[in-house]
Amino acid sequence: MTTLQLIETALQTAFQPELLEVIDDKADHIGHAHQDSGHFTVIIKSPVFEGKSAIEKHRMVYQALGSLMQTHIHALRIQASSV
């Protein structure tokens, strides 16, 4: 399973989102340190984010990704919202 698929599976399981898009941003980091490490953007919309602050939403995403944050993901841009 690719890192992108692992991220999608973890977020689908945790949030049952109405919208989930995971984008591999590696091409944007060519020539930078860690260019081959996992750089991703997550766009996610789920009712579980209702009433949560941006920091709370980000913490929820990090928690759902668990050890992937240490092993597979170097940089993560998150756009989380409720529906």
Protein backbone atom coordinates (compact mmCIF):
# COMPACT_ATOMS: atom_id res chain seq x y z
CA MET A 1 0.00 0.00 0.00
CA THR A 2 1.35 3.45 -0.87
CA THR A 3 1.68 6.23 1.70
CA LEU A 4 -1.14 8.07 -0.04
CA GLN A 5 -3.39 5.03 0.34
CA LEU A 6 -2.39 4.61 4.00
CA ILE A 7 -3.33 8.23 4.68
CA GLU A 8 -6.66 7.88 2.87
CA THR A 9 -7.52 4.67 4.73
CA ALA A 10 -6.67 6.14 8.14
CA LEU A 11 -8.72 9.29 7.53
CA GLN A 12 -11.69 7.43 6.02
CA THR A 13 -11.78 5.14 9.04
CA ALA A 14 -11.50 7.94 11.59
CA PHE A 15 -13.83 10.52 10.07
CA GLN A 16 -16.09 8.95 7.42
CA PRO A 17 -15.69 12.22 5.49
CA GLU A 18 -18.06 13.53 2.86
CA LEU A 19 -15.02 14.79 0.97
CA LEU A 20 -11.45 13.53 1.18
CA GLU A 21 -8.63 14.45 -1.14
CA VAL A 22 -5.01 13.55 -0.44
CA ILE A 23 -2.48 15.19 -2.73
CA ASP A 24 1.17 14.15 -3.03
CA ASP A 25 3.14 17.41 -2.99
CA LYS A 26 6.55 15.82 -3.63
CA ALA A 27 6.96 17.64 -6.97
CA ASP A 28 6.74 21.00 -5.17
CA HIS A 29 9.81 20.14 -3.07
CA ILE A 30 12.36 19.03 -5.65
CA GLY A 31 15.75 20.40 -4.67
CA HIS A 32 14.76 20.88 -1.02
CA ALA A 33 15.91 18.87 1.96
CA HIS A 34 13.72 15.79 2.42
CA GLN A 35 12.50 16.05 -1.18
CA ASP A 36 11.88 12.31 -1.29
CA SER A 37 10.03 12.28 2.03
CA GLY A 38 6.26 12.45 2.24
CA HIS A 39 4.87 15.90 1.54
CA PHE A 40 1.09 15.88 1.36
CA THR A 41 -1.98 18.10 1.36
CA VAL A 42 -5.18 16.78 2.93
CA ILE A 43 -8.54 18.34 2.12
CA ILE A 44 -11.22 16.82 4.33
CA LYS A 45 -14.81 17.68 5.15
CA SER A 46 -16.59 15.81 7.91
CA PRO A 47 -19.36 16.59 10.40
CA VAL A 48 -17.02 15.57 13.26
CA PHE A 49 -15.17 18.87 12.78
CA GLU A 50 -18.30 20.92 13.60
CA GLY A 51 -17.54 23.50 16.29
CA LYS A 52 -13.83 22.63 16.45
CA SER A 53 -11.06 25.21 16.19
CA ALA A 54 -8.41 24.90 13.49
CA ILE A 55 -5.92 23.59 16.05
CA GLU A 56 -8.39 20.97 17.29
CA LYS A 57 -9.07 19.82 13.71
CA HIS A 58 -5.36 19.50 13.00
CA ARG A 59 -4.78 17.55 16.21
CA MET A 60 -7.61 15.20 15.30
CA VAL A 61 -6.05 14.56 11.87
CA TYR A 62 -2.59 14.00 13.40
CA GLN A 63 -4.07 11.57 15.92
CA ALA A 64 -5.90 9.65 13.18
CA LEU A 65 -2.66 9.34 11.20
CA GLY A 66 -0.82 8.08 14.27
CA SER A 67 2.61 6.63 13.57
CA LEU A 68 2.45 7.63 9.89
CA MET A 69 3.41 11.11 11.09
CA GLN A 70 6.75 9.72 12.29
CA THR A 71 7.39 7.11 9.62
CA HIS A 72 5.86 8.23 6.31
CA ILE A 73 4.91 11.91 6.46
CA HIS A 74 7.47 14.70 6.57
CA ALA A 75 5.14 17.65 5.88
CA LEU A 76 1.36 17.84 5.96
CA ARG A 77 -0.87 20.72 4.87
CA ILE A 78 -4.39 20.30 6.26
CA GLN A 79 -7.63 21.93 5.12
CA ALA A 80 -10.28 20.50 7.45
CA SER A 81 -13.87 21.67 7.66
CA SER A 82 -17.30 20.53 8.64
CA VAL A 83 -20.14 20.23 6.14
